[in-house]
Structure formats: C-alpha cells, structure tokens
Amino acid sequence: MASRWLALALLATPAHAQETPVAIELVLALDASASVDKQEFALQVDGLAAAFRDPDVRRAVEDLQPLGVAIAVVQWGGPGETRVVLPFTQLNGGRDAKAFGFRIGLIHRFMWASATSIATGISDSASLIEGNEFDGQRKIIDVAGDGEDNGAADLDFARQSARARGIIINGLPIMADSPDLARYYDTHVIIGPDSFVEPARDFEDYARAIRAKLLKELRPLAS
C-alpha cells in the first residue's frame, strides 16, 4: 500500500512555474504484469540499459542538442500499480545517455501486477509528462508489453485523452506468447502522428527492438 501511495504522489506532482524546454519528453513504460516472469523482466531492463550504452543511441542524443531529451522510466501493471522507477532526467549528450543506461541497469522490480492494464500505463504516463518540470516539443509514451489489455479501464479513452494532450504513443509488443500482438498494438495502442509499432519476437529480441525504437524516437525534430 505504501508503494502505491508513493507512486500516486509522484504522478500528481504539480508542474513547476517555469518549465525547462527540451526537444523530446519520453516515458519508457515497462510491463510488470504477472505474465512477465523474473527472467523476462530482467531481459527488459538489461536490453534497455544496453540501448543507452549503444554508440548510435548516444549519438542520437547528441544530435538533440542544445535542448536534449528528458526521459523517465515507469513500471506498469494494474490500476493503481504504476511505479516511477527513474524520474524525468535530462540527457544532453552521449555521456549522459551512458550514465542513464547505468542507472537503468540498477532498476528493481517493484510489483507482480494483478492485471495487464495498458490503459492505466498510458494514463499514468501522460500525467507524469504533464506534471514534470520539462516542456518537450515532442512528447512520447513508449509502451512495452507482452499481452493485450485485460484491465477495467477504457484503453481507447486513455489513448485518445493522451493524444488530446499532444502526446504520441508508440508500442513495443513482445510476442513471446501472442504472435498477433503487433496487430493489436497497431490497432488499439499506438496513436498520434508518425506513431509506430516496433515488435520484438520474444524477450530475447527486446534489446534489438528497443534500440531500433529509440533511434526512431530520438530523431531530430526537423526530420
């Protein structure tokens, strides 16, 4: 219960009077539902950490200067279970990206969520974007998960509400147990201009997929 109230407090933090402009605000939302076992969750964390050490990803962050990118990492599952595990952090160059990757590698799992509520992950991530101290010219939620939404919240309402706030939703479906999940994400999850799905064949393929996804999301604003 304490962790739940902490997560809600973090998500409800009011915006600062003066926000720092950045090129991109990005929430990386990791699936922590019960269908993801210990090894599979570790593959998500390790793959994400490795992506920020990758020379091409570090170069992409460099190319966003002078504004840089602000990135947060959350774990999501059922309603009321979203947990901010890395708060919004501004990255202005390759060295910052490498340091952020190191911090990602230290992430612990905080829940074995009762449901796969993609709607909750989206809604809480959107609130996190609206309540931080940054103002991104492009705002993105990056949803990774291994199953369809089975929570009580309205997924279409959540994604449409995020879009109304100027937020793009991209998807990284992990198709270990569901070969049609990419099609589901394409129809029911992603939204916004240039939104896309970057599927992973299984959890072992997550590292490749998240690297490819970040390289698309961290492109310069003019491209």
Protein backbone atom coordinates (compact mmCIF):
# COMPACT_ATOMS: atom_id res chain seq x y z
CA MET A 1 0.00 0.00 0.00
CA ALA A 2 2.84 2.41 0.82
CA SER A 3 4.39 1.96 -2.62
CA ARG A 4 1.02 2.63 -4.23
CA TRP A 5 0.63 5.96 -2.45
CA LEU A 6 4.23 6.89 -3.27
CA ALA A 7 3.58 6.22 -6.95
CA LEU A 8 0.41 8.32 -6.88
CA ALA A 9 2.24 11.15 -5.15
CA LEU A 10 4.94 11.15 -7.80
CA LEU A 11 2.40 11.17 -10.61
CA ALA A 12 0.46 14.01 -9.02
CA THR A 13 3.44 16.32 -8.55
CA PRO A 14 2.39 19.74 -9.89
CA ALA A 15 4.21 21.35 -12.79
CA HIS A 16 6.84 23.94 -11.93
CA ALA A 17 6.14 27.60 -12.67
CA GLN A 18 8.93 27.65 -15.25
CA GLU A 19 9.49 24.52 -17.29
CA THR A 20 12.81 23.64 -18.93
CA PRO A 21 12.45 23.33 -22.71
CA VAL A 22 13.66 20.06 -24.23
CA ALA A 23 13.39 18.60 -27.71
CA ILE A 24 11.61 15.43 -26.52
CA GLU A 25 9.88 14.17 -23.38
CA LEU A 26 9.83 10.37 -23.36
CA VAL A 27 8.30 7.93 -20.88
CA LEU A 28 9.59 4.36 -21.18
CA ALA A 29 6.80 2.19 -19.75
CA LEU A 30 7.85 -1.37 -18.82
CA ASP A 31 5.38 -4.22 -18.37
CA ALA A 32 5.48 -5.59 -14.80
CA SER A 33 2.33 -7.72 -15.03
CA ALA A 34 2.21 -11.26 -13.68
CA SER A 35 2.64 -12.74 -17.17
CA VAL A 36 6.22 -11.39 -17.22
CA ASP A 37 8.43 -13.70 -15.15
CA LYS A 38 11.62 -12.73 -13.33
CA GLN A 39 13.94 -13.62 -16.20
CA GLU A 40 11.76 -11.87 -18.78
CA PHE A 41 11.62 -8.68 -16.74
CA ALA A 42 15.41 -8.77 -16.35
CA LEU A 43 15.73 -9.03 -20.13
CA GLN A 44 13.66 -5.85 -20.47
CA VAL A 45 15.87 -3.99 -18.01
CA ASP A 46 19.14 -5.30 -19.43
CA GLY A 47 18.06 -4.56 -23.00
CA LEU A 48 17.02 -1.02 -22.14
CA ALA A 49 20.25 -0.37 -20.26
CA ALA A 50 22.30 -1.71 -23.18
CA ALA A 51 20.43 0.54 -25.61
CA PHE A 52 21.59 3.68 -23.82
CA ARG A 53 25.18 2.45 -23.98
CA ASP A 54 24.89 1.86 -27.72
CA PRO A 55 27.03 4.29 -29.78
CA ASP A 56 24.22 5.05 -32.23
CA VAL A 57 21.72 5.83 -29.46
CA ARG A 58 24.29 8.02 -27.70
CA ARG A 59 24.90 9.82 -31.00
CA ALA A 60 21.14 10.34 -31.42
CA VAL A 61 21.04 12.02 -28.00
CA GLU A 62 23.99 14.21 -29.04
CA ASP A 63 22.07 15.26 -32.15
CA LEU A 64 19.26 16.68 -29.99
CA GLN A 65 21.50 19.42 -28.61
CA PRO A 66 21.16 22.12 -27.46
CA LEU A 67 17.82 21.19 -25.89
CA GLY A 68 18.40 17.49 -25.26
CA VAL A 69 15.82 14.92 -24.19
CA ALA A 70 14.08 14.27 -20.86
CA ILE A 71 13.37 10.59 -20.13
CA ALA A 72 11.55 8.75 -17.33
CA VAL A 73 11.07 5.02 -16.72
CA VAL A 74 7.94 3.53 -15.15
CA GLN A 75 6.72 0.04 -14.37
CA TRP A 76 3.03 -0.52 -15.03
CA GLY A 77 0.51 -3.26 -14.42
CA GLY A 78 -2.97 -2.98 -12.96
CA PRO A 79 -4.88 0.14 -11.87
CA GLY A 80 -3.13 1.95 -9.03
CA GLU A 81 0.08 -0.05 -9.50
CA THR A 82 2.17 2.24 -11.75
CA ARG A 83 5.57 2.95 -10.21
CA VAL A 84 8.04 5.64 -11.30
CA VAL A 85 11.43 3.91 -11.10
CA LEU A 86 13.52 6.64 -12.76
CA PRO A 87 12.11 10.18 -12.66
CA PHE A 88 12.47 12.52 -15.60
CA THR A 89 16.15 13.11 -16.30
CA GLN A 90 17.56 15.47 -18.91
CA LEU A 91 20.18 13.98 -21.24
CA ASN A 92 22.29 16.45 -23.20
CA GLY A 93 24.89 14.17 -24.72
CA GLY A 94 26.33 10.72 -25.11
CA ARG A 95 27.93 10.72 -21.68
CA ASP A 96 24.56 11.50 -20.08
CA ALA A 97 22.97 8.66 -22.07
CA LYS A 98 25.62 6.18 -20.90
CA ALA A 99 25.13 7.25 -17.27
CA PHE A 100 21.36 6.89 -17.67
CA GLY A 101 21.87 3.38 -19.01
CA PHE A 102 23.89 2.53 -15.90
CA ARG A 103 21.03 3.75 -13.69
CA ILE A 104 18.52 1.71 -15.68
CA GLY A 105 20.63 -1.39 -15.06
CA LEU A 106 20.08 -0.94 -11.30
CA ILE A 107 16.29 -0.99 -11.57
CA HIS A 108 14.48 -3.49 -9.34
CA ARG A 109 11.08 -4.95 -9.95
CA PHE A 110 8.54 -3.41 -7.58
CA MET A 111 5.47 -5.48 -8.36
CA TRP A 112 3.92 -8.58 -9.86
CA ALA A 113 0.91 -6.70 -11.12
CA SER A 114 -2.54 -8.22 -10.96
CA ALA A 115 -3.54 -7.17 -14.48
CA THR A 116 -2.19 -6.01 -17.83
CA SER A 117 -3.82 -2.59 -17.89
CA ILE A 118 -2.23 -0.81 -20.83
CA ALA A 119 -4.84 1.93 -20.31
CA THR A 120 -3.50 2.57 -16.81
CA GLY A 121 0.09 2.63 -18.03
CA ILE A 122 -0.83 5.21 -20.66
CA SER A 123 -2.92 7.41 -18.35
CA ASP A 124 -0.32 7.46 -15.59
CA SER A 125 2.50 8.12 -18.05
CA ALA A 126 0.54 11.02 -19.57
CA SER A 127 0.04 12.51 -16.11
CA LEU A 128 3.75 12.15 -15.48
CA ILE A 129 4.51 14.08 -18.67
CA GLU A 130 2.11 16.86 -17.72
CA GLY A 131 3.39 17.12 -14.15
CA ASN A 132 7.16 17.34 -14.61
CA GLU A 133 9.48 20.34 -14.90
CA PHE A 134 10.17 19.91 -18.63
CA ASP A 135 8.36 21.13 -21.74
CA GLY A 136 9.06 18.89 -24.72
CA GLN A 137 8.48 19.97 -28.29
CA ARG A 138 7.65 16.31 -28.90
CA LYS A 139 6.02 14.19 -26.16
CA ILE A 140 6.09 10.39 -26.39
CA ILE A 141 4.96 7.39 -24.34
CA ASP A 142 6.79 4.19 -25.25
CA VAL A 143 4.66 1.21 -24.14
CA ALA A 144 6.28 -2.24 -23.95
CA GLY A 145 4.18 -5.27 -23.04
CA ASP A 146 3.59 -8.96 -23.68
CA GLY A 147 -0.20 -9.12 -23.82
CA GLU A 148 -3.48 -7.42 -24.63
CA ASP A 149 -5.17 -5.08 -22.16
CA ASN A 150 -7.29 -7.00 -19.65
CA GLY A 151 -7.88 -4.27 -17.07
CA ALA A 152 -11.10 -2.45 -16.25
CA ALA A 153 -10.02 0.97 -17.57
CA ASP A 154 -11.05 2.11 -21.06
CA LEU A 155 -7.99 1.76 -23.31
CA ASP A 156 -9.36 3.79 -26.21
CA PHE A 157 -10.33 6.63 -23.86
CA ALA A 158 -6.84 6.60 -22.34
CA ARG A 159 -5.08 6.80 -25.70
CA GLN A 160 -7.44 9.44 -27.09
CA SER A 161 -7.01 11.52 -23.93
CA ALA A 162 -3.23 11.32 -24.24
CA ARG A 163 -3.44 12.36 -27.89
CA ALA A 164 -5.63 15.34 -26.95
CA ARG A 165 -2.75 16.49 -24.73
CA GLY A 166 -0.36 16.35 -27.66
CA ILE A 167 1.23 13.03 -26.67
CA ILE A 168 2.29 10.36 -29.17
CA ILE A 169 2.08 6.70 -28.14
CA ASN A 170 4.42 4.14 -29.69
CA GLY A 171 4.35 0.41 -28.96
CA LEU A 172 6.82 -2.40 -28.42
CA PRO A 173 4.78 -5.61 -28.30
CA ILE A 174 6.73 -8.63 -27.05
CA MET A 175 5.21 -11.51 -28.99
CA ALA A 176 6.57 -14.42 -26.94
CA ASP A 177 3.08 -15.78 -26.22
CA SER A 178 0.95 -13.87 -28.72
CA PRO A 179 2.01 -13.80 -32.39
CA ASP A 180 -0.82 -11.37 -33.24
CA LEU A 181 0.13 -8.82 -30.58
CA ALA A 182 1.78 -6.44 -33.06
CA ARG A 183 -1.52 -6.14 -34.92
CA TYR A 184 -3.32 -5.48 -31.63
CA TYR A 185 -0.86 -2.72 -30.69
CA ASP A 186 -1.19 -1.19 -34.14
CA THR A 187 -4.98 -1.06 -33.85
CA HIS A 188 -5.57 -0.42 -30.14
CA VAL A 189 -2.45 1.13 -28.58
CA ILE A 190 -0.43 3.48 -30.76
CA ILE A 191 -1.75 6.90 -31.69
CA GLY A 192 -0.51 10.23 -33.00
CA PRO A 193 1.45 11.49 -35.99
CA ASP A 194 4.24 9.14 -37.07
CA SER A 195 3.38 6.70 -34.23
CA PHE A 196 4.64 3.19 -34.87
CA VAL A 197 4.97 -0.36 -33.59
CA GLU A 198 8.40 -1.99 -33.18
CA PRO A 199 7.68 -5.65 -32.38
CA ALA A 200 10.02 -7.99 -30.54
CA ARG A 201 9.76 -11.69 -31.42
CA ASP A 202 10.30 -12.62 -27.76
CA PHE A 203 12.00 -11.23 -24.65
CA GLU A 204 15.43 -12.17 -26.01
CA ASP A 205 14.68 -9.92 -29.01
CA TYR A 206 13.71 -6.98 -26.79
CA ALA A 207 17.23 -5.47 -26.76
CA ARG A 208 17.28 -5.23 -30.56
CA ALA A 209 13.74 -3.84 -30.70
CA ILE A 210 14.21 -1.16 -28.05
CA ARG A 211 17.42 0.05 -29.68
CA ALA A 212 15.66 0.34 -33.05
CA LYS A 213 12.71 2.05 -31.38
CA LEU A 214 14.84 4.63 -29.57
CA LEU A 215 16.69 5.51 -32.76
CA LYS A 216 13.34 6.36 -34.37
CA GLU A 217 12.01 8.26 -31.36
CA LEU A 218 15.18 10.29 -30.74
CA ARG A 219 15.36 11.67 -34.25
CA PRO A 220 15.88 15.44 -34.57
CA LEU A 221 12.71 17.49 -34.57
CA ALA A 222 13.09 18.64 -38.17
CA SER A 223 13.21 15.07 -39.51
